[in-house]
Amino acid sequence: MIVLLSKKATDIELSAMQEVYSGFIKIAVDIRRKVLVGGGEMHSDCESVLLEDGSQQEDIWGANWYPVEQLVEFESLINIRPTQGNRGIVIQDEQIRQAVAAITEELLGGIQ
């Protein structure tokens, strides 16, 4: 299940986001609005929900969240954005990485 979060996830929401993959959650984070969508099969599924909710493309970044390890992996095909200086799947800009990590930890951190 795909879940849109603007506040700390519940145990039930975290479980729902892990229906497709056990062990990690595909997420997309709007670093300007500080909201996160997690779950689904592909990062683009999460990205679509954010776009429908009013996010702007340039503010959305994809990553994976590993709840047991409490770890963010900054890789996603939606991160390939040559016009924003990101030419690969890994988020290159350290400030963007820090923003994605902070929002993810705020909304998903501490829950396993």
Protein backbone atom coordinates (compact mmCIF):
# COMPACT_ATOMS: atom_id res chain seq x y z
CA MET A 1 0.00 0.00 0.00
CA ILE A 2 1.16 3.53 -0.76
CA VAL A 3 0.95 5.95 2.18
CA LEU A 4 1.28 9.76 2.19
CA LEU A 5 2.82 11.10 5.40
CA SER A 6 3.05 14.63 6.75
CA LYS A 7 3.45 13.44 10.36
CA LYS A 8 5.09 10.48 12.09
CA ALA A 9 4.01 7.11 10.68
CA THR A 10 2.17 4.62 12.83
CA ASP A 11 3.15 0.97 13.11
CA ILE A 12 0.15 0.12 10.90
CA GLU A 13 1.21 2.61 8.20
CA LEU A 14 4.77 1.29 8.26
CA SER A 15 3.52 -2.29 7.87
CA ALA A 16 1.27 -1.23 4.99
CA MET A 17 4.22 0.38 3.19
CA GLN A 18 6.15 -2.92 3.44
CA GLU A 19 3.51 -5.01 1.64
CA VAL A 20 5.45 -5.15 -1.64
CA TYR A 21 9.02 -5.50 -0.34
CA SER A 22 9.95 -6.92 3.03
CA GLY A 23 12.96 -5.31 4.61
CA PHE A 24 12.77 -1.93 2.87
CA ILE A 25 10.35 0.71 1.60
CA LYS A 26 10.56 2.69 -1.62
CA ILE A 27 9.96 6.35 -0.79
CA ALA A 28 9.69 9.71 -2.50
CA VAL A 29 10.25 12.84 -0.44
CA ASP A 30 9.17 16.42 -1.18
CA ILE A 31 11.98 18.37 0.45
CA ARG A 32 10.16 21.71 0.20
CA ARG A 33 6.80 20.59 1.66
CA LYS A 34 8.47 18.07 4.02
CA VAL A 35 6.12 15.23 3.12
CA LEU A 36 6.91 11.65 2.22
CA VAL A 37 5.16 8.91 0.30
CA GLY A 38 6.20 5.32 0.89
CA GLY A 39 5.24 1.91 -0.41
CA GLY A 40 4.40 0.52 -3.80
CA GLU A 41 6.49 -1.28 -6.33
CA MET A 42 8.37 1.67 -7.86
CA HIS A 43 9.56 5.08 -6.73
CA SER A 44 7.54 6.59 -9.56
CA ASP A 45 4.36 5.30 -7.86
CA CYS A 46 5.23 7.40 -4.83
CA GLU A 47 6.27 10.34 -6.98
CA SER A 48 2.87 10.30 -8.74
CA VAL A 49 1.05 10.56 -5.41
CA LEU A 50 3.14 13.58 -4.44
CA LEU A 51 2.54 15.28 -7.79
CA GLU A 52 -1.22 14.69 -7.44
CA ASP A 53 -1.00 16.17 -3.93
CA GLY A 54 0.52 19.42 -5.23
CA SER A 55 4.26 18.81 -5.08
CA GLN A 56 6.56 20.19 -7.76
CA GLN A 57 8.80 17.78 -9.67
CA GLU A 58 12.03 19.56 -8.78
CA ASP A 59 11.31 19.12 -5.05
CA ILE A 60 10.76 15.33 -5.17
CA TRP A 61 13.62 12.89 -4.57
CA GLY A 62 13.58 9.10 -4.37
CA ALA A 63 15.24 6.82 -1.84
CA ASN A 64 14.84 3.54 0.02
CA TRP A 65 14.21 3.24 3.76
CA TYR A 66 15.44 0.25 5.74
CA PRO A 67 13.40 0.23 8.98
CA VAL A 68 15.44 -2.37 10.89
CA GLU A 69 18.72 -0.59 10.18
CA GLN A 70 17.12 2.90 10.29
CA LEU A 71 19.02 3.66 7.09
CA VAL A 72 18.30 5.76 4.01
CA GLU A 73 19.71 4.67 0.64
CA PHE A 74 19.67 7.61 -1.81
CA GLU A 75 19.11 5.64 -5.04
CA SER A 76 16.19 5.91 -7.44
CA LEU A 77 15.59 6.28 -11.16
CA ILE A 78 13.46 9.37 -10.44
CA ASN A 79 16.66 11.10 -9.27
CA ILE A 80 18.11 11.25 -12.79
CA ARG A 81 17.81 14.97 -13.48
CA PRO A 82 20.55 16.45 -15.62
CA THR A 83 18.85 19.88 -15.57
CA GLN A 84 19.22 19.90 -11.77
CA GLY A 85 22.80 18.63 -11.90
CA ASN A 86 21.95 15.05 -10.91
CA ARG A 87 23.07 12.80 -13.75
CA GLY A 88 22.72 9.43 -12.01
CA ILE A 89 20.36 7.48 -9.80
CA VAL A 90 22.14 8.49 -6.57
CA ILE A 91 21.37 11.93 -5.12
CA GLN A 92 24.61 13.87 -5.64
CA ASP A 93 23.91 17.10 -3.73
CA GLU A 94 24.79 16.75 -0.04
CA GLN A 95 22.19 19.32 1.07
CA ILE A 96 19.44 17.40 -0.75
CA ARG A 97 20.66 14.14 0.78
CA GLN A 98 20.58 15.71 4.25
CA ALA A 99 17.05 17.04 3.66
CA VAL A 100 15.79 13.65 2.44
CA ALA A 101 17.43 11.91 5.42
CA ALA A 102 16.06 14.40 7.97
CA ILE A 103 12.49 14.21 6.66
CA THR A 104 12.64 10.42 6.40
CA GLU A 105 14.00 10.04 9.92
CA GLU A 106 11.37 12.45 11.28
CA LEU A 107 8.46 10.62 9.65
CA LEU A 108 9.69 7.00 9.70
CA GLY A 109 12.52 6.89 12.23
CA GLY A 110 12.26 4.81 15.37
CA ILE A 111 9.60 2.52 13.94
CA GLN A 112 10.45 -1.05 12.96
